[in-house]
């Protein structure tokens, strides 16, 4: 965590991978399932299958709210 993505990949390869939608950052196993799922949906090559802004905003609110509840539970 806290590392730059693609640190060992030549910049031209990075640009090509991003433009062709074949290069995605590594998602750690410790990443929350909801965040991972949302990222993967946003990366779909077919734009019509990607979530709309409202869906993304709702997911973020739900995940953020859950995080606050867990924080209060753990610290409370």
C-alpha atoms as a PDB file:
ATOM      1  CA  UNK A   1       0.000   0.000   0.000  1.00  0.00           C
ATOM      2  CA  UNK A   2       1.215   3.498  -0.723  1.00  0.00           C
ATOM      3  CA  UNK A   3       3.303   2.486  -3.731  1.00  0.00           C
ATOM      4  CA  UNK A   4       3.215   4.064  -7.160  1.00  0.00           C
ATOM      5  CA  UNK A   5       1.392   1.908  -9.717  1.00  0.00           C
ATOM      6  CA  UNK A   6       3.295   0.502 -12.682  1.00  0.00           C
ATOM      7  CA  UNK A   7       6.682   1.441 -11.192  1.00  0.00           C
ATOM      8  CA  UNK A   8       8.558  -1.186 -13.233  1.00  0.00           C
ATOM      9  CA  UNK A   9       6.760  -0.638 -16.543  1.00  0.00           C
ATOM     10  CA  UNK A  10       7.982   1.670 -19.323  1.00  0.00           C
ATOM     11  CA  UNK A  11       5.775   4.757 -19.734  1.00  0.00           C
ATOM     12  CA  UNK A  12       4.907   3.934 -23.372  1.00  0.00           C
ATOM     13  CA  UNK A  13       3.620   0.525 -22.289  1.00  0.00           C
ATOM     14  CA  UNK A  14       1.530   2.188 -19.581  1.00  0.00           C
ATOM     15  CA  UNK A  15      -0.010   4.667 -22.026  1.00  0.00           C
ATOM     16  CA  UNK A  16      -0.754   1.912 -24.550  1.00  0.00           C
ATOM     17  CA  UNK A  17      -2.311  -0.277 -21.857  1.00  0.00           C
ATOM     18  CA  UNK A  18      -4.532   2.494 -20.569  1.00  0.00           C
ATOM     19  CA  UNK A  19      -5.643   3.583 -24.039  1.00  0.00           C
ATOM     20  CA  UNK A  20      -6.415  -0.009 -25.070  1.00  0.00           C
ATOM     21  CA  UNK A  21      -8.154  -0.739 -21.725  1.00  0.00           C
ATOM     22  CA  UNK A  22      -5.878  -3.687 -20.995  1.00  0.00           C
ATOM     23  CA  UNK A  23      -3.817  -2.259 -18.136  1.00  0.00           C
ATOM     24  CA  UNK A  24      -5.398  -1.994 -14.723  1.00  0.00           C
ATOM     25  CA  UNK A  25      -3.797  -1.364 -11.345  1.00  0.00           C
ATOM     26  CA  UNK A  26      -3.256  -4.291  -9.031  1.00  0.00           C
ATOM     27  CA  UNK A  27      -6.031  -4.529  -6.460  1.00  0.00           C
ATOM     28  CA  UNK A  28      -4.766  -6.005  -3.240  1.00  0.00           C
ATOM     29  CA  UNK A  29      -6.571  -8.987  -1.729  1.00  0.00           C
ATOM     30  CA  UNK A  30      -7.123  -6.898   1.391  1.00  0.00           C
ATOM     31  CA  UNK A  31      -9.229  -4.441  -0.616  1.00  0.00           C
ATOM     32  CA  UNK A  32     -12.848  -4.354   0.465  1.00  0.00           C
ATOM     33  CA  UNK A  33     -15.086  -6.438  -1.818  1.00  0.00           C
ATOM     34  CA  UNK A  34     -17.453  -3.512  -2.503  1.00  0.00           C
ATOM     35  CA  UNK A  35     -14.595  -1.240  -3.624  1.00  0.00           C
ATOM     36  CA  UNK A  36     -13.048  -3.985  -5.754  1.00  0.00           C
ATOM     37  CA  UNK A  37     -16.377  -4.740  -7.408  1.00  0.00           C
ATOM     38  CA  UNK A  38     -17.038  -1.073  -8.146  1.00  0.00           C
ATOM     39  CA  UNK A  39     -13.576  -0.565  -9.656  1.00  0.00           C
ATOM     40  CA  UNK A  40     -13.921  -3.638 -11.853  1.00  0.00           C
ATOM     41  CA  UNK A  41     -17.338  -2.488 -13.096  1.00  0.00           C
ATOM     42  CA  UNK A  42     -15.881   0.928 -13.954  1.00  0.00           C
ATOM     43  CA  UNK A  43     -13.133  -0.783 -15.965  1.00  0.00           C
ATOM     44  CA  UNK A  44     -15.501  -2.730 -18.230  1.00  0.00           C
ATOM     45  CA  UNK A  45     -14.589  -2.200 -21.870  1.00  0.00           C
ATOM     46  CA  UNK A  46     -18.220  -1.722 -22.915  1.00  0.00           C
ATOM     47  CA  UNK A  47     -19.177   1.777 -21.683  1.00  0.00           C
ATOM     48  CA  UNK A  48     -22.888   0.952 -21.490  1.00  0.00           C
ATOM     49  CA  UNK A  49     -22.108  -1.772 -18.920  1.00  0.00           C
ATOM     50  CA  UNK A  50     -20.222   0.604 -16.613  1.00  0.00           C
ATOM     51  CA  UNK A  51     -22.079   2.067 -13.626  1.00  0.00           C
ATOM     52  CA  UNK A  52     -23.517   5.553 -13.989  1.00  0.00           C
ATOM     53  CA  UNK A  53     -22.442   8.380 -11.704  1.00  0.00           C
ATOM     54  CA  UNK A  54     -25.486   7.988  -9.447  1.00  0.00           C
ATOM     55  CA  UNK A  55     -24.731   4.288  -8.907  1.00  0.00           C
ATOM     56  CA  UNK A  56     -21.110   5.117  -8.089  1.00  0.00           C
ATOM     57  CA  UNK A  57     -22.157   7.864  -5.682  1.00  0.00           C
ATOM     58  CA  UNK A  58     -24.630   5.542  -3.911  1.00  0.00           C
ATOM     59  CA  UNK A  59     -21.984   2.820  -3.540  1.00  0.00           C
ATOM     60  CA  UNK A  60     -19.508   5.331  -2.139  1.00  0.00           C
ATOM     61  CA  UNK A  61     -22.030   6.596   0.388  1.00  0.00           C
ATOM     62  CA  UNK A  62     -22.874   3.033   1.457  1.00  0.00           C
ATOM     63  CA  UNK A  63     -19.228   1.986   1.803  1.00  0.00           C
ATOM     64  CA  UNK A  64     -18.308   5.246   3.532  1.00  0.00           C
ATOM     65  CA  UNK A  65     -21.251   4.932   5.943  1.00  0.00           C
ATOM     66  CA  UNK A  66     -20.269   1.349   6.740  1.00  0.00           C
ATOM     67  CA  UNK A  67     -16.715   2.524   7.425  1.00  0.00           C
ATOM     68  CA  UNK A  68     -17.965   5.154   9.872  1.00  0.00           C
ATOM     69  CA  UNK A  69     -20.134   2.581  11.660  1.00  0.00           C
ATOM     70  CA  UNK A  70     -17.201   0.181  11.933  1.00  0.00           C
ATOM     71  CA  UNK A  71     -14.872   2.943  13.129  1.00  0.00           C
ATOM     72  CA  UNK A  72     -17.343   3.984  15.825  1.00  0.00           C
ATOM     73  CA  UNK A  73     -17.821   0.340  16.843  1.00  0.00           C
ATOM     74  CA  UNK A  74     -14.090  -0.315  17.082  1.00  0.00           C
ATOM     75  CA  UNK A  75     -13.200   2.956  18.764  1.00  0.00           C
ATOM     76  CA  UNK A  76     -16.355   3.336  20.834  1.00  0.00           C
END
